[in-house]
C-alpha atoms as a PDB file:
ATOM      1  CA  UNK A   1    -184.757  75.404  84.142  1.00  0.00           C
ATOM      2  CA  UNK A   2    -185.229  73.875  80.706  1.00  0.00           C
ATOM      3  CA  UNK A   3    -183.100  70.829  81.542  1.00  0.00           C
ATOM      4  CA  UNK A   4    -185.000  70.246  84.789  1.00  0.00           C
ATOM      5  CA  UNK A   5    -188.317  70.285  82.955  1.00  0.00           C
ATOM      6  CA  UNK A   6    -186.923  68.002  80.265  1.00  0.00           C
ATOM      7  CA  UNK A   7    -185.992  65.428  82.913  1.00  0.00           C
ATOM      8  CA  UNK A   8    -189.405  65.766  84.561  1.00  0.00           C
ATOM      9  CA  UNK A   9    -191.100  65.051  81.240  1.00  0.00           C
ATOM     10  CA  UNK A  10    -188.711  62.265  80.243  1.00  0.00           C
ATOM     11  CA  UNK A  11    -188.612  60.291  83.484  1.00  0.00           C
ATOM     12  CA  UNK A  12    -191.811  61.271  85.325  1.00  0.00           C
ATOM     13  CA  UNK A  13    -194.067  61.915  82.296  1.00  0.00           C
ATOM     14  CA  UNK A  14    -195.210  65.220  83.759  1.00  0.00           C
ATOM     15  CA  UNK A  15    -195.245  68.686  82.247  1.00  0.00           C
ATOM     16  CA  UNK A  16    -195.336  70.604  85.512  1.00  0.00           C
ATOM     17  CA  UNK A  17    -194.116  70.359  89.077  1.00  0.00           C
ATOM     18  CA  UNK A  18    -196.288  69.880  92.127  1.00  0.00           C
ATOM     19  CA  UNK A  19    -196.332  72.675  94.729  1.00  0.00           C
ATOM     20  CA  UNK A  20    -192.874  73.478  96.165  1.00  0.00           C
ATOM     21  CA  UNK A  21    -190.986  70.825  94.185  1.00  0.00           C
ATOM     22  CA  UNK A  22    -189.293  73.313  91.855  1.00  0.00           C
ATOM     23  CA  UNK A  23    -188.371  75.700  94.695  1.00  0.00           C
ATOM     24  CA  UNK A  24    -186.868  72.819  96.693  1.00  0.00           C
ATOM     25  CA  UNK A  25    -184.846  71.558  93.730  1.00  0.00           C
ATOM     26  CA  UNK A  26    -183.570  75.044  92.838  1.00  0.00           C
ATOM     27  CA  UNK A  27    -182.362  75.572  96.405  1.00  0.00           C
ATOM     28  CA  UNK A  28    -180.806  72.118  96.759  1.00  0.00           C
ATOM     29  CA  UNK A  29    -178.857  72.117  93.485  1.00  0.00           C
ATOM     30  CA  UNK A  30    -177.102  75.273  94.674  1.00  0.00           C
ATOM     31  CA  UNK A  31    -175.433  73.040  97.271  1.00  0.00           C
ATOM     32  CA  UNK A  32    -177.520  74.194 100.221  1.00  0.00           C
ATOM     33  CA  UNK A  33    -178.991  72.129 103.047  1.00  0.00           C
ATOM     34  CA  UNK A  34    -182.747  71.725 102.750  1.00  0.00           C
ATOM     35  CA  UNK A  35    -185.656  70.515 104.876  1.00  0.00           C
ATOM     36  CA  UNK A  36    -188.798  69.371 103.073  1.00  0.00           C
ATOM     37  CA  UNK A  37    -192.124  68.923 104.869  1.00  0.00           C
ATOM     38  CA  UNK A  38    -194.756  67.530 102.513  1.00  0.00           C
ATOM     39  CA  UNK A  39    -197.730  65.265 103.167  1.00  0.00           C
ATOM     40  CA  UNK A  40    -197.533  61.626 102.115  1.00  0.00           C
ATOM     41  CA  UNK A  41    -198.135  61.467  98.376  1.00  0.00           C
ATOM     42  CA  UNK A  42    -197.059  65.087  97.922  1.00  0.00           C
ATOM     43  CA  UNK A  43    -194.070  64.235  95.744  1.00  0.00           C
ATOM     44  CA  UNK A  44    -191.170  64.485  98.213  1.00  0.00           C
ATOM     45  CA  UNK A  45    -189.035  61.851  96.471  1.00  0.00           C
ATOM     46  CA  UNK A  46    -188.817  63.832  93.211  1.00  0.00           C
ATOM     47  CA  UNK A  47    -187.142  66.630  95.197  1.00  0.00           C
ATOM     48  CA  UNK A  48    -183.946  64.558  95.523  1.00  0.00           C
ATOM     49  CA  UNK A  49    -184.357  62.040  92.722  1.00  0.00           C
ATOM     50  CA  UNK A  50    -184.458  64.604  89.930  1.00  0.00           C
ATOM     51  CA  UNK A  51    -181.400  66.568  91.196  1.00  0.00           C
ATOM     52  CA  UNK A  52    -179.471  63.286  91.148  1.00  0.00           C
ATOM     53  CA  UNK A  53    -179.779  63.392  87.356  1.00  0.00           C
ATOM     54  CA  UNK A  54    -178.362  66.926  87.221  1.00  0.00           C
ATOM     55  CA  UNK A  55    -175.167  66.034  89.105  1.00  0.00           C
ATOM     56  CA  UNK A  56    -172.174  63.926  88.215  1.00  0.00           C
ATOM     57  CA  UNK A  57    -171.739  61.132  90.736  1.00  0.00           C
ATOM     58  CA  UNK A  58    -174.309  59.613  93.069  1.00  0.00           C
ATOM     59  CA  UNK A  59    -176.956  60.588  95.587  1.00  0.00           C
ATOM     60  CA  UNK A  60    -177.019  58.579  98.812  1.00  0.00           C
ATOM     61  CA  UNK A  61    -180.499  58.099 100.271  1.00  0.00           C
ATOM     62  CA  UNK A  62    -181.009  57.047 103.891  1.00  0.00           C
ATOM     63  CA  UNK A  63    -184.334  55.302 104.458  1.00  0.00           C
ATOM     64  CA  UNK A  64    -185.622  53.353 107.481  1.00  0.00           C
ATOM     65  CA  UNK A  65    -187.730  50.787 105.619  1.00  0.00           C
ATOM     66  CA  UNK A  66    -186.415  48.042 103.345  1.00  0.00           C
ATOM     67  CA  UNK A  67    -189.790  47.789 101.602  1.00  0.00           C
ATOM     68  CA  UNK A  68    -189.717  51.530 100.848  1.00  0.00           C
ATOM     69  CA  UNK A  69    -186.171  51.342  99.502  1.00  0.00           C
ATOM     70  CA  UNK A  70    -186.998  48.363  97.335  1.00  0.00           C
ATOM     71  CA  UNK A  71    -190.149  50.003  96.005  1.00  0.00           C
ATOM     72  CA  UNK A  72    -188.376  53.239  95.111  1.00  0.00           C
ATOM     73  CA  UNK A  73    -185.424  51.461  93.508  1.00  0.00           C
ATOM     74  CA  UNK A  74    -187.800  49.352  91.410  1.00  0.00           C
ATOM     75  CA  UNK A  75    -189.708  52.440  90.299  1.00  0.00           C
ATOM     76  CA  UNK A  76    -186.536  54.348  89.448  1.00  0.00           C
ATOM     77  CA  UNK A  77    -185.085  51.495  87.425  1.00  0.00           C
ATOM     78  CA  UNK A  78    -188.384  51.175  85.553  1.00  0.00           C
ATOM     79  CA  UNK A  79    -188.108  54.872  84.720  1.00  0.00           C
ATOM     80  CA  UNK A  80    -184.590  54.306  83.371  1.00  0.00           C
ATOM     81  CA  UNK A  81    -182.760  55.834  86.351  1.00  0.00           C
ATOM     82  CA  UNK A  82    -180.124  53.341  87.484  1.00  0.00           C
ATOM     83  CA  UNK A  83    -180.503  52.762  91.246  1.00  0.00           C
ATOM     84  CA  UNK A  84    -179.714  50.191  93.928  1.00  0.00           C
ATOM     85  CA  UNK A  85    -180.044  49.509  97.647  1.00  0.00           C
ATOM     86  CA  UNK A  86    -177.929  47.555 100.104  1.00  0.00           C
ATOM     87  CA  UNK A  87    -179.537  44.220 100.956  1.00  0.00           C
ATOM     88  CA  UNK A  88    -178.563  43.105 104.457  1.00  0.00           C
ATOM     89  CA  UNK A  89    -179.542  39.433 104.112  1.00  0.00           C
ATOM     90  CA  UNK A  90    -176.565  38.716 101.867  1.00  0.00           C
ATOM     91  CA  UNK A  91    -174.022  38.813 104.718  1.00  0.00           C
ATOM     92  CA  UNK A  92    -170.633  40.502 104.858  1.00  0.00           C
ATOM     93  CA  UNK A  93    -169.359  39.127 101.548  1.00  0.00           C
ATOM     94  CA  UNK A  94    -172.584  40.201  99.921  1.00  0.00           C
ATOM     95  CA  UNK A  95    -172.226  43.731 101.278  1.00  0.00           C
ATOM     96  CA  UNK A  96    -168.656  43.898  99.981  1.00  0.00           C
ATOM     97  CA  UNK A  97    -169.850  42.836  96.520  1.00  0.00           C
ATOM     98  CA  UNK A  98    -172.647  45.416  96.663  1.00  0.00           C
ATOM     99  CA  UNK A  99    -170.129  48.133  97.576  1.00  0.00           C
ATOM    100  CA  UNK A 100    -168.018  47.117  94.577  1.00  0.00           C
ATOM    101  CA  UNK A 101    -171.156  47.294  92.479  1.00  0.00           C
ATOM    102  CA  UNK A 102    -171.970  50.752  93.877  1.00  0.00           C
ATOM    103  CA  UNK A 103    -168.486  52.000  92.981  1.00  0.00           C
ATOM    104  CA  UNK A 104    -168.422  50.646  89.459  1.00  0.00           C
ATOM    105  CA  UNK A 105    -172.059  50.329  88.418  1.00  0.00           C
ATOM    106  CA  UNK A 106    -172.766  53.904  87.321  1.00  0.00           C
ATOM    107  CA  UNK A 107    -175.749  54.233  89.676  1.00  0.00           C
ATOM    108  CA  UNK A 108    -177.404  57.618  90.187  1.00  0.00           C
ATOM    109  CA  UNK A 109    -179.151  56.812  93.479  1.00  0.00           C
ATOM    110  CA  UNK A 110    -177.969  54.451  96.209  1.00  0.00           C
ATOM    111  CA  UNK A 111    -180.204  53.618  99.169  1.00  0.00           C
ATOM    112  CA  UNK A 112    -179.182  52.300 102.574  1.00  0.00           C
ATOM    113  CA  UNK A 113    -180.596  51.973 106.076  1.00  0.00           C
ATOM    114  CA  UNK A 114    -179.329  54.200 108.932  1.00  0.00           C
ATOM    115  CA  UNK A 115    -178.059  51.077 110.727  1.00  0.00           C
ATOM    116  CA  UNK A 116    -175.434  50.632 107.996  1.00  0.00           C
ATOM    117  CA  UNK A 117    -173.887  53.956 109.011  1.00  0.00           C
ATOM    118  CA  UNK A 118    -173.076  52.574 112.458  1.00  0.00           C
ATOM    119  CA  UNK A 119    -170.499  50.263 110.860  1.00  0.00           C
ATOM    120  CA  UNK A 120    -167.058  51.883 110.609  1.00  0.00           C
ATOM    121  CA  UNK A 121    -165.911  49.590 107.798  1.00  0.00           C
ATOM    122  CA  UNK A 122    -169.021  50.443 105.783  1.00  0.00           C
ATOM    123  CA  UNK A 123    -168.409  54.179 106.276  1.00  0.00           C
ATOM    124  CA  UNK A 124    -164.832  53.779 105.045  1.00  0.00           C
ATOM    125  CA  UNK A 125    -166.131  52.166 101.863  1.00  0.00           C
ATOM    126  CA  UNK A 126    -168.923  54.715 101.378  1.00  0.00           C
ATOM    127  CA  UNK A 127    -166.309  57.480 101.533  1.00  0.00           C
ATOM    128  CA  UNK A 128    -164.810  56.097  98.324  1.00  0.00           C
ATOM    129  CA  UNK A 129    -168.013  56.706  96.383  1.00  0.00           C
ATOM    130  CA  UNK A 130    -168.543  59.888  94.379  1.00  0.00           C
ATOM    131  CA  UNK A 131    -171.378  61.128  96.579  1.00  0.00           C
ATOM    132  CA  UNK A 132    -172.752  64.483  95.412  1.00  0.00           C
ATOM    133  CA  UNK A 133    -175.963  64.631  97.438  1.00  0.00           C
ATOM    134  CA  UNK A 134    -177.423  63.046 100.579  1.00  0.00           C
ATOM    135  CA  UNK A 135    -181.150  62.652 101.250  1.00  0.00           C
ATOM    136  CA  UNK A 136    -182.667  61.505 104.542  1.00  0.00           C
ATOM    137  CA  UNK A 137    -186.189  60.137 104.173  1.00  0.00           C
ATOM    138  CA  UNK A 138    -188.517  59.977 107.190  1.00  0.00           C
ATOM    139  CA  UNK A 139    -186.137  62.412 108.888  1.00  0.00           C
ATOM    140  CA  UNK A 140    -188.429  62.801 111.931  1.00  0.00           C
ATOM    141  CA  UNK A 141    -187.131  59.384 113.069  1.00  0.00           C
ATOM    142  CA  UNK A 142    -184.012  61.151 114.337  1.00  0.00           C
ATOM    143  CA  UNK A 143    -185.924  62.912 117.121  1.00  0.00           C
ATOM    144  CA  UNK A 144    -186.573  61.340 120.507  1.00  0.00           C
ATOM    145  CA  UNK A 145    -189.644  63.579 120.647  1.00  0.00           C
ATOM    146  CA  UNK A 146    -191.091  61.874 117.571  1.00  0.00           C
ATOM    147  CA  UNK A 147    -193.373  58.847 117.639  1.00  0.00           C
ATOM    148  CA  UNK A 148    -191.083  56.911 115.248  1.00  0.00           C
ATOM    149  CA  UNK A 149    -187.755  57.552 116.999  1.00  0.00           C
ATOM    150  CA  UNK A 150    -185.024  55.283 115.675  1.00  0.00           C
ATOM    151  CA  UNK A 151    -181.655  55.507 117.456  1.00  0.00           C
ATOM    152  CA  UNK A 152    -179.662  54.515 114.360  1.00  0.00           C
ATOM    153  CA  UNK A 153    -180.665  57.810 112.730  1.00  0.00           C
ATOM    154  CA  UNK A 154    -178.163  59.488 115.073  1.00  0.00           C
ATOM    155  CA  UNK A 155    -175.383  57.852 113.028  1.00  0.00           C
ATOM    156  CA  UNK A 156    -176.327  59.865 109.924  1.00  0.00           C
ATOM    157  CA  UNK A 157    -174.332  62.775 111.296  1.00  0.00           C
ATOM    158  CA  UNK A 158    -171.199  60.706 110.575  1.00  0.00           C
ATOM    159  CA  UNK A 159    -171.789  61.449 106.902  1.00  0.00           C
ATOM    160  CA  UNK A 160    -171.346  65.175 107.529  1.00  0.00           C
ATOM    161  CA  UNK A 161    -167.781  64.436 108.645  1.00  0.00           C
ATOM    162  CA  UNK A 162    -167.095  62.319 105.552  1.00  0.00           C
ATOM    163  CA  UNK A 163    -168.768  64.713 103.111  1.00  0.00           C
ATOM    164  CA  UNK A 164    -168.571  68.201 104.641  1.00  0.00           C
ATOM    165  CA  UNK A 165    -169.283  70.025 101.367  1.00  0.00           C
ATOM    166  CA  UNK A 166    -172.169  67.839 100.198  1.00  0.00           C
ATOM    167  CA  UNK A 167    -175.720  69.228 100.630  1.00  0.00           C
ATOM    168  CA  UNK A 168    -178.170  67.346 102.833  1.00  0.00           C
ATOM    169  CA  UNK A 169    -181.901  67.137 102.198  1.00  0.00           C
ATOM    170  CA  UNK A 170    -184.088  66.014 105.110  1.00  0.00           C
ATOM    171  CA  UNK A 171    -187.629  64.943 104.227  1.00  0.00           C
ATOM    172  CA  UNK A 172    -190.642  64.228 106.404  1.00  0.00           C
ATOM    173  CA  UNK A 173    -194.414  64.194 106.158  1.00  0.00           C
ATOM    174  CA  UNK A 174    -194.835  65.783 109.579  1.00  0.00           C
ATOM    175  CA  UNK A 175    -192.772  67.389 112.319  1.00  0.00           C
ATOM    176  CA  UNK A 176    -193.626  69.460 115.368  1.00  0.00           C
ATOM    177  CA  UNK A 177    -191.409  72.526 116.009  1.00  0.00           C
ATOM    178  CA  UNK A 178    -189.380  70.472 118.506  1.00  0.00           C
ATOM    179  CA  UNK A 179    -188.908  67.591 116.074  1.00  0.00           C
ATOM    180  CA  UNK A 180    -187.940  70.047 113.333  1.00  0.00           C
ATOM    181  CA  UNK A 181    -185.353  71.579 115.643  1.00  0.00           C
ATOM    182  CA  UNK A 182    -183.950  68.099 116.356  1.00  0.00           C
ATOM    183  CA  UNK A 183    -183.771  67.272 112.641  1.00  0.00           C
ATOM    184  CA  UNK A 184    -181.686  70.381 111.980  1.00  0.00           C
ATOM    185  CA  UNK A 185    -179.444  69.927 115.027  1.00  0.00           C
ATOM    186  CA  UNK A 186    -178.922  66.157 114.950  1.00  0.00           C
ATOM    187  CA  UNK A 187    -178.153  66.072 111.231  1.00  0.00           C
ATOM    188  CA  UNK A 188    -175.756  69.003 111.545  1.00  0.00           C
ATOM    189  CA  UNK A 189    -177.601  70.965 108.857  1.00  0.00           C
ATOM    190  CA  UNK A 190    -175.990  74.298 107.992  1.00  0.00           C
ATOM    191  CA  UNK A 191    -178.396  77.237 107.669  1.00  0.00           C
ATOM    192  CA  UNK A 192    -181.075  75.057 106.071  1.00  0.00           C
ATOM    193  CA  UNK A 193    -184.139  76.443 104.346  1.00  0.00           C
ATOM    194  CA  UNK A 194    -187.386  74.796 105.438  1.00  0.00           C
ATOM    195  CA  UNK A 195    -190.029  74.199 102.780  1.00  0.00           C
ATOM    196  CA  UNK A 196    -193.516  73.459 104.121  1.00  0.00           C
ATOM    197  CA  UNK A 197    -196.386  72.360 101.919  1.00  0.00           C
ATOM    198  CA  UNK A 198    -199.938  72.914 103.105  1.00  0.00           C
ATOM    199  CA  UNK A 199    -201.457  69.808 104.652  1.00  0.00           C
ATOM    200  CA  UNK A 200    -204.965  71.043 103.953  1.00  0.00           C
ATOM    201  CA  UNK A 201    -206.878  68.864 101.521  1.00  0.00           C
ATOM    202  CA  UNK A 202    -209.955  70.380  99.889  1.00  0.00           C
ATOM    203  CA  UNK A 203    -211.511  66.976  99.241  1.00  0.00           C
ATOM    204  CA  UNK A 204    -211.445  66.010 102.957  1.00  0.00           C
ATOM    205  CA  UNK A 205    -214.103  67.131 105.415  1.00  0.00           C
ATOM    206  CA  UNK A 206    -214.401  66.492 109.125  1.00  0.00           C
END
């Protein structure tokens, strides 16, 4: 508990957690699959970024948007948390060099798009990393019932085969019961605990 708060103060300049963050982190660091439903701006990213500091090795983050990956990596590096993401425009040689960098660069968080996981050669290289946690941002994109369905998200399940003992954390700002069911099933989550934050905002009136 003390170490978690120390990291929160050191890297996020905060003396207290937002609602549910501490409960999510406590559950996840026990090695258990977790589903996090928090509104945009509710602090979802801290739920997997802070645990990455508590574990030896790296946390792999799957995100559908390059701009989001780049923004988070920039913020993390500014905080002093060494992070990177795979840039697709560099071509095959560039990806190989980035994989070498990921293996030897002492990064705590590594971001990639779900499309990368459809490449068998990439998966073989990822398996060589010391992955200790896997986070799936915008997890509702895995469901065909969701408005942002993205077929490549189906490939994330390949990671469960490569890292059967590594906990998964699926994060989304919104999910209907059907979409939530798809998230759990399609990602192969094992007895996950679902954390839901209230979406009610006292400062908003209709």
